[in-house]
Amino acid sequence: MVRKQVYIEPRHDRMLKRRAKQQGVTEAEIIREALDHVDAPVVRRRHVDPDAVREAVAFMRSLSARPQQPKGRALTRESLYEDRIGRWTKS
C-alpha cells in the first residue's frame, strides 16, 4: 500500500466517519472503495425512496396475479361490422 495524505472538508470527514462506523470498516477502506468506483462505468445515482420501490414491486406482482386475458381477438370482423352498420342505420 502507498500512504497518501489528503485534505477534506469537515462535512466529508463527518460523512466518512459515519459510513466507516455503519459498515464496520476503516475510513481508509471507504476511501479505497470510492476510488475503485471512479473507474467504473458512469451511472447516475439518485436517491431512491424505499417505500416507493416496495409499492412499485407490490403493484407489479399484483399484475402478474391477475387472470390473463384470452389470447386472440374477442371480437370478430363480422361482429364489429354489424355494430358499425347498426349505429349508422339508427341515425
N, C-alpha and C. Protein backbone atom coordinates (compact mmCIF):
# COMPACT_ATOMS: atom_id res chain seq x y z
N MET A 1 0.85 -1.18 0.00
CA MET A 1 0.00 0.00 0.00
C MET A 1 0.89 1.23 0.00
N VAL A 2 0.33 2.29 -0.56
CA VAL A 2 1.03 3.57 -0.60
C VAL A 2 0.28 4.54 0.28
N ARG A 3 1.01 5.25 1.11
CA ARG A 3 0.37 6.20 2.01
C ARG A 3 0.17 7.53 1.29
N LYS A 4 -1.02 8.10 1.44
CA LYS A 4 -1.36 9.41 0.88
C LYS A 4 -1.97 10.26 1.97
N GLN A 5 -1.69 11.55 1.92
CA GLN A 5 -2.31 12.48 2.85
C GLN A 5 -3.15 13.44 2.04
N VAL A 6 -4.42 13.56 2.40
CA VAL A 6 -5.34 14.43 1.66
C VAL A 6 -6.06 15.35 2.63
N TYR A 7 -6.53 16.46 2.11
CA TYR A 7 -7.34 17.39 2.88
C TYR A 7 -8.77 17.26 2.41
N ILE A 8 -9.68 17.14 3.35
CA ILE A 8 -11.09 17.04 3.00
C ILE A 8 -11.87 18.05 3.82
N GLU A 9 -13.06 18.34 3.35
CA GLU A 9 -13.94 19.28 4.05
C GLU A 9 -14.45 18.64 5.34
N PRO A 10 -14.80 19.46 6.33
CA PRO A 10 -15.35 18.89 7.57
C PRO A 10 -16.58 18.01 7.33
N ARG A 11 -17.43 18.39 6.38
CA ARG A 11 -18.61 17.57 6.09
C ARG A 11 -18.21 16.21 5.53
N HIS A 12 -17.14 16.17 4.73
CA HIS A 12 -16.65 14.89 4.22
C HIS A 12 -16.10 14.03 5.35
N ASP A 13 -15.43 14.68 6.30
CA ASP A 13 -14.89 13.95 7.44
C ASP A 13 -16.02 13.31 8.25
N ARG A 14 -17.10 14.08 8.49
CA ARG A 14 -18.24 13.53 9.24
C ARG A 14 -18.88 12.37 8.48
N MET A 15 -19.04 12.55 7.18
CA MET A 15 -19.64 11.51 6.36
C MET A 15 -18.75 10.26 6.36
N LEU A 16 -17.46 10.44 6.23
CA LEU A 16 -16.52 9.34 6.21
C LEU A 16 -16.55 8.56 7.51
N LYS A 17 -16.53 9.27 8.62
CA LYS A 17 -16.58 8.62 9.94
C LYS A 17 -17.89 7.86 10.13
N ARG A 18 -19.00 8.49 9.70
CA ARG A 18 -20.30 7.85 9.86
C ARG A 18 -20.39 6.57 9.04
N ARG A 19 -19.96 6.62 7.79
CA ARG A 19 -20.04 5.43 6.92
C ARG A 19 -19.13 4.32 7.41
N ALA A 20 -17.93 4.69 7.85
CA ALA A 20 -17.00 3.67 8.35
C ALA A 20 -17.59 2.97 9.57
N LYS A 21 -18.21 3.74 10.44
CA LYS A 21 -18.81 3.16 11.64
C LYS A 21 -19.99 2.27 11.26
N GLN A 22 -20.84 2.74 10.34
CA GLN A 22 -22.01 1.97 9.92
C GLN A 22 -21.60 0.63 9.30
N GLN A 23 -20.56 0.66 8.49
CA GLN A 23 -20.14 -0.54 7.76
C GLN A 23 -19.13 -1.38 8.54
N GLY A 24 -18.62 -0.83 9.65
CA GLY A 24 -17.67 -1.58 10.45
C GLY A 24 -16.32 -1.77 9.78
N VAL A 25 -15.91 -0.77 9.00
CA VAL A 25 -14.62 -0.82 8.32
C VAL A 25 -13.85 0.46 8.63
N THR A 26 -12.61 0.51 8.18
CA THR A 26 -11.81 1.72 8.41
C THR A 26 -12.20 2.82 7.44
N GLU A 27 -11.84 4.04 7.80
CA GLU A 27 -12.09 5.16 6.90
C GLU A 27 -11.30 4.98 5.61
N ALA A 28 -10.11 4.42 5.71
CA ALA A 28 -9.28 4.19 4.53
C ALA A 28 -9.98 3.23 3.56
N GLU A 29 -10.67 2.23 4.10
CA GLU A 29 -11.38 1.27 3.24
C GLU A 29 -12.50 1.97 2.48
N ILE A 30 -13.19 2.87 3.14
CA ILE A 30 -14.26 3.63 2.47
C ILE A 30 -13.67 4.45 1.32
N ILE A 31 -12.53 5.06 1.56
CA ILE A 31 -11.88 5.88 0.52
C ILE A 31 -11.43 4.98 -0.64
N ARG A 32 -10.84 3.81 -0.33
CA ARG A 32 -10.40 2.91 -1.40
C ARG A 32 -11.58 2.43 -2.23
N GLU A 33 -12.70 2.11 -1.59
CA GLU A 33 -13.90 1.69 -2.34
C GLU A 33 -14.39 2.82 -3.25
N ALA A 34 -14.36 4.05 -2.72
CA ALA A 34 -14.80 5.18 -3.54
C ALA A 34 -13.89 5.36 -4.74
N LEU A 35 -12.59 5.20 -4.56
CA LEU A 35 -11.65 5.33 -5.67
C LEU A 35 -11.84 4.21 -6.69
N ASP A 36 -12.19 3.01 -6.22
CA ASP A 36 -12.45 1.92 -7.15
C ASP A 36 -13.64 2.23 -8.06
N HIS A 37 -14.59 2.98 -7.54
CA HIS A 37 -15.77 3.33 -8.32
C HIS A 37 -15.51 4.44 -9.33
N VAL A 38 -14.40 5.13 -9.20
CA VAL A 38 -14.08 6.21 -10.14
C VAL A 38 -13.90 5.65 -11.54
N ASP A 39 -13.27 4.48 -11.66
CA ASP A 39 -13.05 3.89 -12.97
C ASP A 39 -14.22 3.05 -13.46
N ALA A 40 -15.21 2.84 -12.61
CA ALA A 40 -16.38 2.07 -13.02
C ALA A 40 -17.19 2.87 -14.03
N PRO A 41 -18.00 2.19 -14.84
CA PRO A 41 -18.85 2.93 -15.78
C PRO A 41 -19.70 3.95 -15.04
N VAL A 42 -19.89 5.08 -15.69
CA VAL A 42 -20.65 6.16 -15.07
C VAL A 42 -22.11 5.78 -14.98
N VAL A 43 -22.63 5.77 -13.78
CA VAL A 43 -24.06 5.51 -13.54
C VAL A 43 -24.55 6.63 -12.64
N ARG A 44 -25.51 7.35 -13.10
CA ARG A 44 -26.07 8.42 -12.30
C ARG A 44 -26.86 7.82 -11.16
N ARG A 45 -26.51 8.17 -9.95
CA ARG A 45 -27.24 7.65 -8.80
C ARG A 45 -28.15 8.74 -8.27
N ARG A 46 -29.35 8.37 -8.03
CA ARG A 46 -30.32 9.29 -7.45
C ARG A 46 -30.86 8.67 -6.19
N HIS A 47 -31.34 9.51 -5.33
CA HIS A 47 -31.93 9.00 -4.10
C HIS A 47 -33.17 8.20 -4.46
N VAL A 48 -33.25 7.00 -3.95
CA VAL A 48 -34.40 6.14 -4.22
C VAL A 48 -35.19 5.98 -2.94
N ASP A 49 -36.46 6.24 -3.03
CA ASP A 49 -37.35 6.11 -1.88
C ASP A 49 -37.71 4.63 -1.71
N PRO A 50 -37.26 4.01 -0.60
CA PRO A 50 -37.54 2.58 -0.43
C PRO A 50 -39.03 2.25 -0.37
N ASP A 51 -39.84 3.16 0.17
CA ASP A 51 -41.28 2.92 0.21
C ASP A 51 -41.86 2.89 -1.19
N ALA A 52 -41.37 3.79 -2.05
CA ALA A 52 -41.84 3.83 -3.44
C ALA A 52 -41.45 2.56 -4.18
N VAL A 53 -40.24 2.05 -3.89
CA VAL A 53 -39.80 0.81 -4.53
C VAL A 53 -40.68 -0.35 -4.10
N ARG A 54 -40.95 -0.46 -2.79
CA ARG A 54 -41.81 -1.55 -2.32
C ARG A 54 -43.19 -1.46 -2.93
N GLU A 55 -43.72 -0.24 -3.03
CA GLU A 55 -45.06 -0.06 -3.62
C GLU A 55 -45.06 -0.47 -5.09
N ALA A 56 -44.01 -0.09 -5.83
CA ALA A 56 -43.93 -0.44 -7.24
C ALA A 56 -43.83 -1.94 -7.43
N VAL A 57 -43.01 -2.60 -6.62
CA VAL A 57 -42.85 -4.05 -6.72
C VAL A 57 -44.17 -4.75 -6.40
N ALA A 58 -44.86 -4.29 -5.36
CA ALA A 58 -46.14 -4.89 -5.00
C ALA A 58 -47.14 -4.74 -6.14
N PHE A 59 -47.15 -3.57 -6.78
CA PHE A 59 -48.05 -3.34 -7.91
C PHE A 59 -47.72 -4.28 -9.06
N MET A 60 -46.43 -4.42 -9.38
CA MET A 60 -46.04 -5.30 -10.48
C MET A 60 -46.41 -6.75 -10.18
N ARG A 61 -46.24 -7.16 -8.94
CA ARG A 61 -46.63 -8.53 -8.57
C ARG A 61 -48.13 -8.72 -8.66
N SER A 62 -48.89 -7.67 -8.32
CA SER A 62 -50.34 -7.79 -8.40
C SER A 62 -50.79 -7.95 -9.86
N LEU A 63 -50.05 -7.35 -10.78
CA LEU A 63 -50.38 -7.50 -12.20
C LEU A 63 -50.22 -8.94 -12.65
N SER A 64 -49.16 -9.59 -12.18
CA SER A 64 -48.94 -10.97 -12.61
C SER A 64 -49.92 -11.93 -11.93
N ALA A 65 -50.54 -11.50 -10.83
CA ALA A 65 -51.51 -12.35 -10.13
C ALA A 65 -52.89 -12.28 -10.77
N ARG A 66 -53.13 -11.28 -11.59
CA ARG A 66 -54.44 -11.14 -12.25
C ARG A 66 -54.61 -12.23 -13.30
N PRO A 67 -55.85 -12.64 -13.54
CA PRO A 67 -56.07 -13.64 -14.59
C PRO A 67 -55.69 -13.06 -15.95
N GLN A 68 -55.09 -13.89 -16.75
CA GLN A 68 -54.65 -13.45 -18.07
C GLN A 68 -55.84 -13.30 -19.01
N GLN A 69 -55.77 -12.31 -19.86
CA GLN A 69 -56.80 -12.12 -20.88
C GLN A 69 -56.64 -13.22 -21.92
N PRO A 70 -57.74 -13.67 -22.49
CA PRO A 70 -57.63 -14.72 -23.50
C PRO A 70 -56.82 -14.21 -24.70
N LYS A 71 -56.03 -15.11 -25.26
CA LYS A 71 -55.23 -14.76 -26.44
C LYS A 71 -56.16 -14.64 -27.64
N GLY A 72 -55.74 -13.85 -28.58
CA GLY A 72 -56.53 -13.68 -29.78
C GLY A 72 -57.59 -12.60 -29.61
N ARG A 73 -58.40 -12.45 -30.62
CA ARG A 73 -59.41 -11.40 -30.59
C ARG A 73 -60.71 -11.92 -30.00
N ALA A 74 -61.30 -11.08 -29.15
CA ALA A 74 -62.59 -11.46 -28.58
C ALA A 74 -63.71 -11.15 -29.56
N LEU A 75 -63.48 -10.19 -30.43
CA LEU A 75 -64.50 -9.79 -31.40
C LEU A 75 -64.07 -10.24 -32.79
N THR A 76 -65.05 -10.52 -33.61
CA THR A 76 -64.76 -10.89 -35.00
C THR A 76 -65.00 -9.68 -35.89
N ARG A 77 -64.47 -9.76 -37.06
CA ARG A 77 -64.65 -8.67 -38.02
C ARG A 77 -66.14 -8.48 -38.33
N GLU A 78 -66.84 -9.59 -38.40
CA GLU A 78 -68.26 -9.52 -38.73
C GLU A 78 -69.05 -8.82 -37.61
N SER A 79 -68.74 -9.16 -36.35
CA SER A 79 -69.49 -8.54 -35.25
C SER A 79 -69.19 -7.04 -35.17
N LEU A 80 -67.96 -6.65 -35.45
CA LEU A 80 -67.64 -5.22 -35.45
C LEU A 80 -68.36 -4.51 -36.60
N TYR A 81 -68.39 -5.15 -37.74
CA TYR A 81 -69.06 -4.57 -38.89
C TYR A 81 -70.55 -4.40 -38.62
N GLU A 82 -71.16 -5.42 -38.02
CA GLU A 82 -72.59 -5.34 -37.70
C GLU A 82 -72.86 -4.21 -36.71
N ASP A 83 -72.00 -4.05 -35.74
CA ASP A 83 -72.15 -2.97 -34.76
C ASP A 83 -72.07 -1.62 -35.44
N ARG A 84 -71.11 -1.45 -36.33
CA ARG A 84 -70.94 -0.18 -37.02
C ARG A 84 -72.13 0.14 -37.92
N ILE A 85 -72.58 -0.85 -38.66
CA ILE A 85 -73.75 -0.66 -39.52
C ILE A 85 -74.97 -0.33 -38.68
N GLY A 86 -75.11 -1.02 -37.54
CA GLY A 86 -76.25 -0.78 -36.65
C GLY A 86 -76.26 0.65 -36.14
N ARG A 87 -75.11 1.22 -35.85
CA ARG A 87 -75.07 2.62 -35.37
C ARG A 87 -75.42 3.59 -36.48
N TRP A 88 -75.04 3.29 -37.70
CA TRP A 88 -75.33 4.18 -38.82
C TRP A 88 -76.80 4.17 -39.18
N THR A 89 -77.40 3.00 -39.11
CA THR A 89 -78.79 2.90 -39.53
C THR A 89 -79.73 3.52 -38.50
N LYS A 90 -79.28 3.64 -37.24
CA LYS A 90 -80.12 4.25 -36.21
C LYS A 90 -80.20 5.77 -36.37
N SER A 91 -79.22 6.38 -37.01
CA SER A 91 -79.23 7.83 -37.10
C SER A 91 -79.97 8.36 -38.28
